[in-house]
PDB file of N, CA and C in Angstrom:
ATOM      1  N   MET A   1      92.923  92.192 120.472  1.00  0.00           N
ATOM      2  CA  MET A   1      93.650  93.426 120.555  1.00  0.00           C
ATOM      3  C   MET A   1      93.133  94.373 119.475  1.00  0.00           C
ATOM      4  N   ARG A   2      93.072  95.643 119.796  1.00  0.00           N
ATOM      5  CA  ARG A   2      92.572  96.674 118.882  1.00  0.00           C
ATOM      6  C   ARG A   2      93.725  97.197 118.025  1.00  0.00           C
ATOM      7  N   TYR A   3      93.464  97.355 116.729  1.00  0.00           N
ATOM      8  CA  TYR A   3      94.465  97.853 115.793  1.00  0.00           C
ATOM      9  C   TYR A   3      93.915  99.041 115.015  1.00  0.00           C
ATOM     10  N   GLU A   4      94.823  99.891 114.584  1.00  0.00           N
ATOM     11  CA  GLU A   4      94.483 101.052 113.760  1.00  0.00           C
ATOM     12  C   GLU A   4      95.430 101.074 112.575  1.00  0.00           C
ATOM     13  N   TYR A   5      94.871 101.313 111.397  1.00  0.00           N
ATOM     14  CA  TYR A   5      95.655 101.309 110.170  1.00  0.00           C
ATOM     15  C   TYR A   5      95.291 102.541 109.359  1.00  0.00           C
ATOM     16  N   LYS A   6      96.291 103.323 108.972  1.00  0.00           N
ATOM     17  CA  LYS A   6      96.061 104.476 108.097  1.00  0.00           C
ATOM     18  C   LYS A   6      96.098 103.987 106.663  1.00  0.00           C
ATOM     19  N   THR A   7      94.997 104.191 105.957  1.00  0.00           N
ATOM     20  CA  THR A   7      94.876 103.677 104.596  1.00  0.00           C
ATOM     21  C   THR A   7      95.691 104.522 103.621  1.00  0.00           C
ATOM     22  N   ASN A   8      95.896 103.950 102.442  1.00  0.00           N
ATOM     23  CA  ASN A   8      96.659 104.628 101.397  1.00  0.00           C
ATOM     24  C   ASN A   8      95.977 104.370 100.058  1.00  0.00           C
ATOM     25  N   GLY A   9      95.633 105.429  99.345  1.00  0.00           N
ATOM     26  CA  GLY A   9      95.071 105.287  98.006  1.00  0.00           C
ATOM     27  C   GLY A   9      93.574 105.063  97.950  1.00  0.00           C
ATOM     28  N   THR A  10      92.870 105.309  99.053  1.00  0.00           N
ATOM     29  CA  THR A  10      91.412 105.142  99.070  1.00  0.00           C
ATOM     30  C   THR A  10      90.748 106.383  99.664  1.00  0.00           C
ATOM     31  N   CYS A  11      89.438 106.452  99.534  1.00  0.00           N
ATOM     32  CA  CYS A  11      88.687 107.574 100.108  1.00  0.00           C
ATOM     33  C   CYS A  11      88.655 107.499 101.635  1.00  0.00           C
ATOM     34  N   SER A  12      88.653 106.292 102.171  1.00  0.00           N
ATOM     35  CA  SER A  12      88.702 106.165 103.628  1.00  0.00           C
ATOM     36  C   SER A  12      90.120 106.519 104.093  1.00  0.00           C
ATOM     37  N   GLN A  13      90.214 107.047 105.307  1.00  0.00           N
ATOM     38  CA  GLN A  13      91.523 107.459 105.821  1.00  0.00           C
ATOM     39  C   GLN A  13      92.090 106.502 106.855  1.00  0.00           C
ATOM     40  N   LYS A  14      91.214 105.734 107.514  1.00  0.00           N
ATOM     41  CA  LYS A  14      91.677 104.907 108.616  1.00  0.00           C
ATOM     42  C   LYS A  14      90.730 103.728 108.810  1.00  0.00           C
ATOM     43  N   ILE A  15      91.314 102.598 109.268  1.00  0.00           N
ATOM     44  CA  ILE A  15      90.531 101.427 109.630  1.00  0.00           C
ATOM     45  C   ILE A  15      90.936 101.023 111.040  1.00  0.00           C
ATOM     46  N   THR A  16      89.954 100.814 111.899  1.00  0.00           N
ATOM     47  CA  THR A  16      90.216 100.261 113.227  1.00  0.00           C
ATOM     48  C   THR A  16      89.442  98.956 113.345  1.00  0.00           C
ATOM     49  N   PHE A  17      90.035  97.998 114.048  1.00  0.00           N
ATOM     50  CA  PHE A  17      89.412  96.680 114.179  1.00  0.00           C
ATOM     51  C   PHE A  17      90.072  95.919 115.312  1.00  0.00           C
ATOM     52  N   ASP A  18      89.406  94.848 115.719  1.00  0.00           N
ATOM     53  CA  ASP A  18      89.951  93.933 116.719  1.00  0.00           C
ATOM     54  C   ASP A  18      90.374  92.663 116.006  1.00  0.00           C
ATOM     55  N   LEU A  19      91.506  92.099 116.452  1.00  0.00           N
ATOM     56  CA  LEU A  19      91.972  90.810 115.959  1.00  0.00           C
ATOM     57  C   LEU A  19      92.362  89.976 117.169  1.00  0.00           C
ATOM     58  N   ASN A  20      91.553  88.967 117.445  1.00  0.00           N
ATOM     59  CA  ASN A  20      91.773  88.101 118.601  1.00  0.00           C
ATOM     60  C   ASN A  20      91.657  86.647 118.167  1.00  0.00           C
ATOM     61  N   ASP A  21      92.704  85.876 118.403  1.00  0.00           N
ATOM     62  CA  ASP A  21      92.732  84.458 118.041  1.00  0.00           C
ATOM     63  C   ASP A  21      92.370  84.237 116.572  1.00  0.00           C
ATOM     64  N   GLY A  22      92.840  85.141 115.706  1.00  0.00           N
ATOM     65  CA  GLY A  22      92.611  84.997 114.277  1.00  0.00           C
ATOM     66  C   GLY A  22      91.248  85.432 113.795  1.00  0.00           C
ATOM     67  N   ILE A  23      90.412  85.972 114.685  1.00  0.00           N
ATOM     68  CA  ILE A  23      89.055  86.412 114.340  1.00  0.00           C
ATOM     69  C   ILE A  23      89.003  87.940 114.307  1.00  0.00           C
ATOM     70  N   VAL A  24      88.431  88.481 113.247  1.00  0.00           N
ATOM     71  CA  VAL A  24      88.301  89.927 113.069  1.00  0.00           C
ATOM     72  C   VAL A  24      86.922  90.382 113.523  1.00  0.00           C
ATOM     73  N   SER A  25      86.880  91.485 114.275  1.00  0.00           N
ATOM     74  CA  SER A  25      85.602  92.026 114.731  1.00  0.00           C
ATOM     75  C   SER A  25      85.711  93.538 114.898  1.00  0.00           C
ATOM     76  N   ASN A  26      84.571  94.157 115.057  1.00  0.00           N
ATOM     77  CA  ASN A  26      84.469  95.601 115.330  1.00  0.00           C
ATOM     78  C   ASN A  26      85.218  96.456 114.314  1.00  0.00           C
ATOM     79  N   VAL A  27      85.068  96.137 113.025  1.00  0.00           N
ATOM     80  CA  VAL A  27      85.736  96.897 111.964  1.00  0.00           C
ATOM     81  C   VAL A  27      85.028  98.231 111.777  1.00  0.00           C
ATOM     82  N   GLN A  28      85.804  99.300 111.783  1.00  0.00           N
ATOM     83  CA  GLN A  28      85.266 100.640 111.558  1.00  0.00           C
ATOM     84  C   GLN A  28      86.171 101.382 110.588  1.00  0.00           C
ATOM     85  N   PHE A  29      85.572 101.939 109.545  1.00  0.00           N
ATOM     86  CA  PHE A  29      86.292 102.761 108.582  1.00  0.00           C
ATOM     87  C   PHE A  29      86.018 104.217 108.899  1.00  0.00           C
ATOM     88  N   THR A  30      87.022 105.058 108.749  1.00  0.00           N
ATOM     89  CA  THR A  30      86.857 106.503 108.890  1.00  0.00           C
ATOM     90  C   THR A  30      86.955 107.106 107.492  1.00  0.00           C
ATOM     91  N   GLY A  31      85.924 107.835 107.089  1.00  0.00           N
ATOM     92  CA  GLY A  31      85.874 108.404 105.751  1.00  0.00           C
ATOM     93  C   GLY A  31      85.361 107.373 104.756  1.00  0.00           C
ATOM     94  N   GLY A  32      85.317 107.754 103.498  1.00  0.00           N
ATOM     95  CA  GLY A  32      84.871 106.836 102.455  1.00  0.00           C
ATOM     96  C   GLY A  32      83.362 106.799 102.308  1.00  0.00           C
ATOM     97  N   CYS A  33      82.864 105.802 101.593  1.00  0.00           N
ATOM     98  CA  CYS A  33      81.433 105.641 101.315  1.00  0.00           C
ATOM     99  C   CYS A  33      80.766 104.921 102.487  1.00  0.00           C
ATOM    100  N   PRO A  34      79.991 105.623 103.297  1.00  0.00           N
ATOM    101  CA  PRO A  34      79.455 105.036 104.519  1.00  0.00           C
ATOM    102  C   PRO A  34      78.665 103.745 104.309  1.00  0.00           C
ATOM    103  N   GLY A  35      77.794 103.707 103.332  1.00  0.00           N
ATOM    104  CA  GLY A  35      76.968 102.518 103.127  1.00  0.00           C
ATOM    105  C   GLY A  35      77.805 101.296 102.771  1.00  0.00           C
ATOM    106  N   ASN A  36      78.701 101.447 101.811  1.00  0.00           N
ATOM    107  CA  ASN A  36      79.544 100.323 101.402  1.00  0.00           C
ATOM    108  C   ASN A  36      80.454  99.865 102.531  1.00  0.00           C
ATOM    109  N   LEU A  37      81.006 100.802 103.262  1.00  0.00           N
ATOM    110  CA  LEU A  37      81.952 100.436 104.317  1.00  0.00           C
ATOM    111  C   LEU A  37      81.254  99.822 105.528  1.00  0.00           C
ATOM    112  N   LYS A  38      80.045 100.261 105.803  1.00  0.00           N
ATOM    113  CA  LYS A  38      79.263  99.600 106.862  1.00  0.00           C
ATOM    114  C   LYS A  38      78.934  98.176 106.440  1.00  0.00           C
ATOM    115  N   ALA A  39      78.665  97.994 105.156  1.00  0.00           N
ATOM    116  CA  ALA A  39      78.371  96.648 104.652  1.00  0.00           C
ATOM    117  C   ALA A  39      79.601  95.751 104.770  1.00  0.00           C
ATOM    118  N   ILE A  40      80.769  96.238 104.372  1.00  0.00           N
ATOM    119  CA  ILE A  40      81.992  95.445 104.500  1.00  0.00           C
ATOM    120  C   ILE A  40      82.201  95.067 105.959  1.00  0.00           C
ATOM    121  N   SER A  41      82.057  96.041 106.847  1.00  0.00           N
ATOM    122  CA  SER A  41      82.248  95.785 108.282  1.00  0.00           C
ATOM    123  C   SER A  41      81.300  94.709 108.779  1.00  0.00           C
ATOM    124  N   ALA A  42      80.040  94.775 108.368  1.00  0.00           N
ATOM    125  CA  ALA A  42      79.049  93.783 108.805  1.00  0.00           C
ATOM    126  C   ALA A  42      79.347  92.405 108.215  1.00  0.00           C
ATOM    127  N   LEU A  43      79.766  92.362 106.963  1.00  0.00           N
ATOM    128  CA  LEU A  43      80.009  91.083 106.302  1.00  0.00           C
ATOM    129  C   LEU A  43      81.224  90.348 106.857  1.00  0.00           C
ATOM    130  N   VAL A  44      82.245  91.078 107.286  1.00  0.00           N
ATOM    131  CA  VAL A  44      83.456  90.414 107.791  1.00  0.00           C
ATOM    132  C   VAL A  44      83.408  90.162 109.292  1.00  0.00           C
ATOM    133  N   GLU A  45      82.409  90.673 109.976  1.00  0.00           N
ATOM    134  CA  GLU A  45      82.300  90.505 111.433  1.00  0.00           C
ATOM    135  C   GLU A  45      82.355  89.028 111.812  1.00  0.00           C
ATOM    136  N   GLY A  46      83.320  88.671 112.642  1.00  0.00           N
ATOM    137  CA  GLY A  46      83.445  87.308 113.131  1.00  0.00           C
ATOM    138  C   GLY A  46      84.150  86.346 112.189  1.00  0.00           C
ATOM    139  N   MET A  47      84.589  86.821 111.034  1.00  0.00           N
ATOM    140  CA  MET A  47      85.305  85.962 110.091  1.00  0.00           C
ATOM    141  C   MET A  47      86.757  85.815 110.515  1.00  0.00           C
ATOM    142  N   THR A  48      87.373  84.735 110.047  1.00  0.00           N
ATOM    143  CA  THR A  48      88.803  84.591 110.308  1.00  0.00           C
ATOM    144  C   THR A  48      89.571  85.563 109.416  1.00  0.00           C
ATOM    145  N   ALA A  49      90.722  85.960 109.907  1.00  0.00           N
ATOM    146  CA  ALA A  49      91.581  86.851 109.137  1.00  0.00           C
ATOM    147  C   ALA A  49      91.927  86.210 107.791  1.00  0.00           C
ATOM    148  N   GLU A  50      92.222  84.925 107.801  1.00  0.00           N
ATOM    149  CA  GLU A  50      92.608  84.231 106.573  1.00  0.00           C
ATOM    150  C   GLU A  50      91.477  84.221 105.549  1.00  0.00           C
ATOM    151  N   HIS A  51      90.249  84.065 105.999  1.00  0.00           N
ATOM    152  CA  HIS A  51      89.104  84.068 105.082  1.00  0.00           C
ATOM    153  C   HIS A  51      88.942  85.439 104.435  1.00  0.00           C
ATOM    154  N   ILE A  52      89.088  86.483 105.225  1.00  0.00           N
ATOM    155  CA  ILE A  52      88.987  87.847 104.684  1.00  0.00           C
ATOM    156  C   ILE A  52      90.097  88.084 103.674  1.00  0.00           C
ATOM    157  N   ILE A  53      91.303  87.650 103.992  1.00  0.00           N
ATOM    158  CA  ILE A  53      92.437  87.823 103.076  1.00  0.00           C
ATOM    159  C   ILE A  53      92.156  87.102 101.757  1.00  0.00           C
ATOM    160  N   GLU A  54      91.682  85.866 101.828  1.00  0.00           N
ATOM    161  CA  GLU A  54      91.371  85.085 100.623  1.00  0.00           C
ATOM    162  C   GLU A  54      90.343  85.780  99.736  1.00  0.00           C
ATOM    163  N   ARG A  55      89.333  86.361 100.362  1.00  0.00           N
ATOM    164  CA  ARG A  55      88.228  86.940  99.592  1.00  0.00           C
ATOM    165  C   ARG A  55      88.480  88.361  99.101  1.00  0.00           C
ATOM    166  N   CYS A  56      89.269  89.143  99.840  1.00  0.00           N
ATOM    167  CA  CYS A  56      89.337  90.576  99.555  1.00  0.00           C
ATOM    168  C   CYS A  56      90.681  91.077  99.019  1.00  0.00           C
ATOM    169  N   GLU A  57      91.709  90.271  99.102  1.00  0.00           N
ATOM    170  CA  GLU A  57      93.023  90.735  98.668  1.00  0.00           C
ATOM    171  C   GLU A  57      93.028  91.014  97.165  1.00  0.00           C
ATOM    172  N   GLY A  58      93.554  92.176  96.810  1.00  0.00           N
ATOM    173  CA  GLY A  58      93.703  92.539  95.406  1.00  0.00           C
ATOM    174  C   GLY A  58      92.494  93.181  94.758  1.00  0.00           C
ATOM    175  N   ILE A  59      91.400  93.334  95.480  1.00  0.00           N
ATOM    176  CA  ILE A  59      90.225  94.007  94.903  1.00  0.00           C
ATOM    177  C   ILE A  59      90.585  95.469  94.652  1.00  0.00           C
ATOM    178  N   ARG A  60      90.217  95.938  93.473  1.00  0.00           N
ATOM    179  CA  ARG A  60      90.518  97.320  93.084  1.00  0.00           C
ATOM    180  C   ARG A  60      89.247  98.151  93.058  1.00  0.00           C
ATOM    181  N   CYS A  61      89.413  99.455  93.211  1.00  0.00           N
ATOM    182  CA  CYS A  61      88.296 100.399  93.126  1.00  0.00           C
ATOM    183  C   CYS A  61      88.512 101.231  91.863  1.00  0.00           C
ATOM    184  N   GLY A  62      87.731 100.930  90.837  1.00  0.00           N
ATOM    185  CA  GLY A  62      87.890 101.643  89.576  1.00  0.00           C
ATOM    186  C   GLY A  62      89.296 101.472  89.034  1.00  0.00           C
ATOM    187  N   PHE A  63      89.950 102.606  88.752  1.00  0.00           N
ATOM    188  CA  PHE A  63      91.308 102.573  88.209  1.00  0.00           C
ATOM    189  C   PHE A  63      92.375 102.594  89.296  1.00  0.00           C
ATOM    190  N   LYS A  64      91.953 102.665  90.541  1.00  0.00           N
ATOM    191  CA  LYS A  64      92.912 102.682  91.649  1.00  0.00           C
ATOM    192  C   LYS A  64      93.523 101.286  91.815  1.00  0.00           C
ATOM    193  N   PRO A  65      94.762 101.207  92.257  1.00  0.00           N
ATOM    194  CA  PRO A  65      95.398  99.894  92.432  1.00  0.00           C
ATOM    195  C   PRO A  65      94.969  99.166  93.706  1.00  0.00           C
ATOM    196  N   THR A  66      94.077  99.764  94.478  1.00  0.00           N
ATOM    197  CA  THR A  66      93.620  99.189  95.740  1.00  0.00           C
ATOM    198  C   THR A  66      92.165  99.582  95.967  1.00  0.00           C
ATOM    199  N   SER A  67      91.612  99.153  97.081  1.00  0.00           N
ATOM    200  CA  SER A  67      90.237  99.496  97.462  1.00  0.00           C
ATOM    201  C   SER A  67      90.174  99.471  98.980  1.00  0.00           C
ATOM    202  N   CYS A  68      89.047  99.850  99.530  1.00  0.00           N
ATOM    203  CA  CYS A  68      88.903  99.810 100.987  1.00  0.00           C
ATOM    204  C   CYS A  68      88.979  98.378 101.504  1.00  0.00           C
ATOM    205  N   SER A  69      88.407  97.423 100.772  1.00  0.00           N
ATOM    206  CA  SER A  69      88.490  96.033 101.222  1.00  0.00           C
ATOM    207  C   SER A  69      89.915  95.504 101.108  1.00  0.00           C
ATOM    208  N   ASP A  70      90.652  95.902 100.074  1.00  0.00           N
ATOM    209  CA  ASP A  70      92.056  95.522  99.945  1.00  0.00           C
ATOM    210  C   ASP A  70      92.882  96.166 101.057  1.00  0.00           C
ATOM    211  N   GLN A  71      92.548  97.390 101.422  1.00  0.00           N
ATOM    212  CA  GLN A  71      93.245  98.049 102.523  1.00  0.00           C
ATOM    213  C   GLN A  71      92.977  97.333 103.846  1.00  0.00           C
ATOM    214  N   LEU A  72      91.779  96.792 104.008  1.00  0.00           N
ATOM    215  CA  LEU A  72      91.481  96.001 105.205  1.00  0.00           C
ATOM    216  C   LEU A  72      92.397  94.786 105.259  1.00  0.00           C
ATOM    217  N   VAL A  73      92.610  94.144 104.130  1.00  0.00           N
ATOM    218  CA  VAL A  73      93.530  93.003 104.069  1.00  0.00           C
ATOM    219  C   VAL A  73      94.927  93.435 104.509  1.00  0.00           C
ATOM    220  N   ARG A  74      95.387  94.559 103.993  1.00  0.00           N
ATOM    221  CA  ARG A  74      96.718  95.046 104.360  1.00  0.00           C
ATOM    222  C   ARG A  74      96.795  95.347 105.854  1.00  0.00           C
ATOM    223  N   ALA A  75      95.717  95.899 106.393  1.00  0.00           N
ATOM    224  CA  ALA A  75      95.668  96.191 107.830  1.00  0.00           C
ATOM    225  C   ALA A  75      95.737  94.905 108.648  1.00  0.00           C
ATOM    226  N   ILE A  76      95.003  93.892 108.219  1.00  0.00           N
ATOM    227  CA  ILE A  76      95.000  92.613 108.924  1.00  0.00           C
ATOM    228  C   ILE A  76      96.381  91.977 108.876  1.00  0.00           C
ATOM    229  N   LYS A  77      97.013  92.003 107.710  1.00  0.00           N
ATOM    230  CA  LYS A  77      98.348  91.419 107.577  1.00  0.00           C
ATOM    231  C   LYS A  77      99.354  92.148 108.479  1.00  0.00           C
ATOM    232  N   GLN A  78      99.227  93.464 108.558  1.00  0.00           N
ATOM    233  CA  GLN A  78     100.110  94.231 109.433  1.00  0.00           C
ATOM    234  C   GLN A  78      99.875  93.841 110.898  1.00  0.00           C
ATOM    235  N   ALA A  79      98.616  93.699 111.276  1.00  0.00           N
ATOM    236  CA  ALA A  79      98.288  93.305 112.659  1.00  0.00           C
ATOM    237  C   ALA A  79      98.823  91.901 112.957  1.00  0.00           C
ATOM    238  N   GLN A  80      98.702  90.992 112.009  1.00  0.00           N
ATOM    239  CA  GLN A  80      99.227  89.640 112.190  1.00  0.00           C
ATOM    240  C   GLN A  80     100.742  89.672 112.395  1.00  0.00           C
ATOM    241  N   ALA A  81     101.433  90.505 111.618  1.00  0.00           N
ATOM    242  CA  ALA A  81     102.884  90.628 111.749  1.00  0.00           C
ATOM    243  C   ALA A  81     103.255  91.171 113.122  1.00  0.00           C
ATOM    244  N   GLN A  82     102.492  92.134 113.619  1.00  0.00           N
ATOM    245  CA  GLN A  82     102.747  92.691 114.949  1.00  0.00           C
ATOM    246  C   GLN A  82     102.527  91.645 116.022  1.00  0.00           C
ATOM    247  N   GLN A  83     101.508  90.822 115.850  1.00  0.00           N
ATOM    248  CA  GLN A  83     101.234  89.776 116.828  1.00  0.00           C
ATOM    249  C   GLN A  83     102.332  88.725 116.843  1.00  0.00           C
ATOM    250  N   ASN A  84     102.918  88.472 115.695  1.00  0.00           N
ATOM    251  CA  ASN A  84     103.942  87.441 115.578  1.00  0.00           C
ATOM    252  C   ASN A  84     105.359  87.933 115.901  1.00  0.00           C
ATOM    253  N   ALA A  85     105.491  89.251 116.078  1.00  0.00           N
ATOM    254  CA  ALA A  85     106.823  89.825 116.341  1.00  0.00           C
ATOM    255  C   ALA A  85     107.265  89.586 117.782  1.00  0.00           C
TER     256      ALA A  85
END
């Protein structure tokens, strides 16, 4: 299923991705640093949601309390909650 998440506290404004059977794919960030965000998208392609959460939760960007990768974790957790509702 395709999900969309509006980010908070980062340069990117939105994350869209697919979450099917616990596997994340087709991650796309809108806004932000294109090179870094394309790299994040490529690196997490086909990973389990739990693996991404383990690796990326709590990562900060400079003095900000979050980062684009941390926002991806929040998006995944929100999608998981929607699936379980």
